[in-house]
Amino acid sequence: MSSPLLLDTCAAMYLVAAESMARPAVEAMRRSAQNGVPLYISPITAWEVGMKTDEGRFRAALTPERWFEMLRTRPGIALCDLTAEVLLQSWLLPGDLHRDPADRIIAATAREYGYTVVTRDNALLDYAAAGHLRALEC
């Protein structure tokens, strides 16, 4: 069986908005559901949605709080742990990953728990291509 999936904030936004995603990502998410394995989201997604709202870049009919609550309580979604170890490791990652805190925390979380990151973020996809984590483009 493949590793559990961790949705990057962009993937979580596409999922809630029912936007189309790449077939391999959709199939991986479907397999997870069939196998009873949740799709994981990080608490950093809530932080990132708040930041996007503050910057005027969060586009949804719901408040950010309601949006995150709908995501968090959606069947098949689980909130992963965001530990002090993950936060520390987010700044001690091998290789080159830009300094965006959310991306670094997502990468450190995936590495710590063995998740595959579902994302469209080029920096995370490049970091995966360099062999530092598993990622699946959505």
Protein backbone atom coordinates (compact mmCIF):
# COMPACT_ATOMS: atom_id res chain seq x y z
CA MET A 1 0.00 0.00 0.00
CA SER A 2 1.20 3.51 -0.73
CA SER A 3 1.86 6.08 1.96
CA PRO A 4 -0.94 8.17 3.49
CA LEU A 5 -1.64 11.48 1.74
CA LEU A 6 -1.09 14.94 3.21
CA LEU A 7 -3.02 17.67 1.42
CA ASP A 8 -1.13 20.89 0.91
CA THR A 9 -3.29 23.98 1.45
CA CYS A 10 -3.86 24.40 -2.30
CA ALA A 11 -5.00 20.77 -2.60
CA ALA A 12 -7.35 21.24 0.36
CA MET A 13 -8.80 24.33 -1.30
CA TYR A 14 -9.36 22.45 -4.57
CA LEU A 15 -11.01 19.59 -2.68
CA VAL A 16 -13.44 21.85 -0.80
CA ALA A 17 -14.24 23.84 -3.95
CA ALA A 18 -14.69 20.60 -5.93
CA GLU A 19 -12.23 21.86 -8.54
CA SER A 20 -10.69 19.40 -10.94
CA MET A 21 -7.44 17.76 -9.98
CA ALA A 22 -4.97 15.56 -11.83
CA ARG A 23 -6.24 12.01 -12.34
CA PRO A 24 -3.38 10.31 -10.41
CA ALA A 25 -4.11 12.48 -7.35
CA VAL A 26 -7.85 11.80 -7.56
CA GLU A 27 -7.21 8.06 -7.90
CA ALA A 28 -4.81 8.08 -4.93
CA MET A 29 -7.39 9.89 -2.80
CA ARG A 30 -10.08 7.44 -3.90
CA ARG A 31 -7.83 4.48 -2.97
CA SER A 32 -7.22 6.02 0.44
CA ALA A 33 -10.95 6.29 1.04
CA GLN A 34 -11.55 2.71 -0.14
CA ASN A 35 -8.84 1.48 2.22
CA GLY A 36 -10.16 3.50 5.16
CA VAL A 37 -7.02 5.67 5.27
CA PRO A 38 -7.80 9.34 5.92
CA LEU A 39 -6.51 12.24 3.89
CA TYR A 40 -4.43 14.29 6.29
CA ILE A 41 -4.36 18.04 6.65
CA SER A 42 -1.98 20.05 8.76
CA PRO A 43 -2.96 22.70 11.29
CA ILE A 44 -0.68 24.99 9.23
CA THR A 45 -3.44 24.96 6.60
CA ALA A 46 -5.66 26.93 9.00
CA TRP A 47 -2.83 29.43 9.51
CA GLU A 48 -2.27 29.72 5.77
CA VAL A 49 -5.98 30.27 5.05
CA GLY A 50 -5.98 33.03 7.68
CA MET A 51 -2.93 34.61 6.04
CA LYS A 52 -4.52 34.39 2.58
CA THR A 53 -7.67 36.02 3.98
CA ASP A 54 -5.63 38.86 5.47
CA GLU A 55 -3.93 39.38 2.10
CA GLY A 56 -7.25 39.29 0.22
CA ARG A 57 -6.28 36.05 -1.57
CA PHE A 58 -8.81 33.70 0.04
CA ARG A 59 -11.81 33.37 -2.24
CA ALA A 60 -14.70 31.44 -0.74
CA ALA A 61 -18.33 32.10 0.07
CA LEU A 62 -17.63 30.98 3.66
CA THR A 63 -15.68 32.64 6.42
CA PRO A 64 -12.20 31.14 6.80
CA GLU A 65 -13.24 29.66 10.14
CA ARG A 66 -16.29 27.94 8.65
CA TRP A 67 -14.30 26.83 5.60
CA PHE A 68 -11.66 25.17 7.78
CA GLU A 69 -14.30 23.57 10.01
CA MET A 70 -16.01 22.11 6.93
CA LEU A 71 -12.68 20.74 5.72
CA ARG A 72 -11.69 19.37 9.12
CA THR A 73 -15.00 17.60 9.70
CA ARG A 74 -15.38 16.23 6.17
CA PRO A 75 -15.60 12.41 6.15
CA GLY A 76 -12.22 10.86 5.43
CA ILE A 77 -10.22 13.90 6.57
CA ALA A 78 -7.96 13.83 9.63
CA LEU A 79 -5.91 16.56 11.23
CA CYS A 80 -2.31 15.47 11.63
CA ASP A 81 -0.15 16.34 14.61
CA LEU A 82 1.96 19.47 14.47
CA THR A 83 4.61 18.77 17.07
CA ALA A 84 7.58 20.75 18.32
CA GLU A 85 9.79 18.18 16.54
CA VAL A 86 8.09 18.88 13.20
CA LEU A 87 8.43 22.64 13.74
CA LEU A 88 12.12 22.26 14.55
CA GLN A 89 12.72 19.95 11.58
CA SER A 90 10.98 22.42 9.27
CA TRP A 91 14.09 24.61 9.55
CA LEU A 92 16.56 21.72 9.43
CA LEU A 93 15.38 20.16 6.17
CA PRO A 94 18.01 18.73 3.83
CA GLY A 95 18.51 20.24 0.40
CA ASP A 96 17.05 23.47 -0.89
CA LEU A 97 13.49 24.51 -0.13
CA HIS A 98 12.48 28.16 -0.05
CA ARG A 99 11.86 29.84 3.28
CA ASP A 100 8.04 29.80 3.17
CA PRO A 101 7.09 28.55 6.66
CA ALA A 102 3.93 26.73 5.54
CA ASP A 103 5.72 24.79 2.80
CA ARG A 104 8.57 23.93 5.15
CA ILE A 105 6.13 22.68 7.80
CA ILE A 106 4.22 20.63 5.22
CA ALA A 107 7.51 19.09 4.03
CA ALA A 108 8.72 18.36 7.57
CA THR A 109 5.34 16.84 8.47
CA ALA A 110 5.43 14.58 5.42
CA ARG A 111 8.97 13.47 6.20
CA GLU A 112 8.20 12.86 9.90
CA TYR A 113 5.07 10.76 9.34
CA GLY A 114 5.86 9.19 5.96
CA TYR A 115 3.12 11.05 4.08
CA THR A 116 2.98 11.81 0.37
CA VAL A 117 2.19 15.49 -0.20
CA VAL A 118 -0.62 16.27 -2.64
CA THR A 119 0.15 19.69 -4.12
CA ARG A 120 0.47 21.96 -7.13
CA ASP A 121 3.21 23.97 -5.44
CA ASN A 122 6.25 23.92 -7.73
CA ALA A 123 8.69 24.37 -4.84
CA LEU A 124 7.35 21.26 -3.08
CA LEU A 125 7.22 19.29 -6.34
CA ASP A 126 10.84 20.26 -7.09
CA TYR A 127 11.86 19.34 -3.54
CA ALA A 128 10.26 15.94 -4.06
CA ALA A 129 11.95 15.53 -7.44
CA ALA A 130 15.26 16.11 -5.64
CA GLY A 131 14.42 13.07 -3.48
CA HIS A 132 13.65 14.81 -0.20
CA LEU A 133 9.99 13.79 0.10
CA ARG A 134 7.20 12.06 -1.79
CA ALA A 135 4.73 14.26 -3.65
CA LEU A 136 1.86 13.84 -6.03
CA GLU A 137 0.84 16.67 -8.31
CA CYS A 138 -2.81 17.58 -8.14
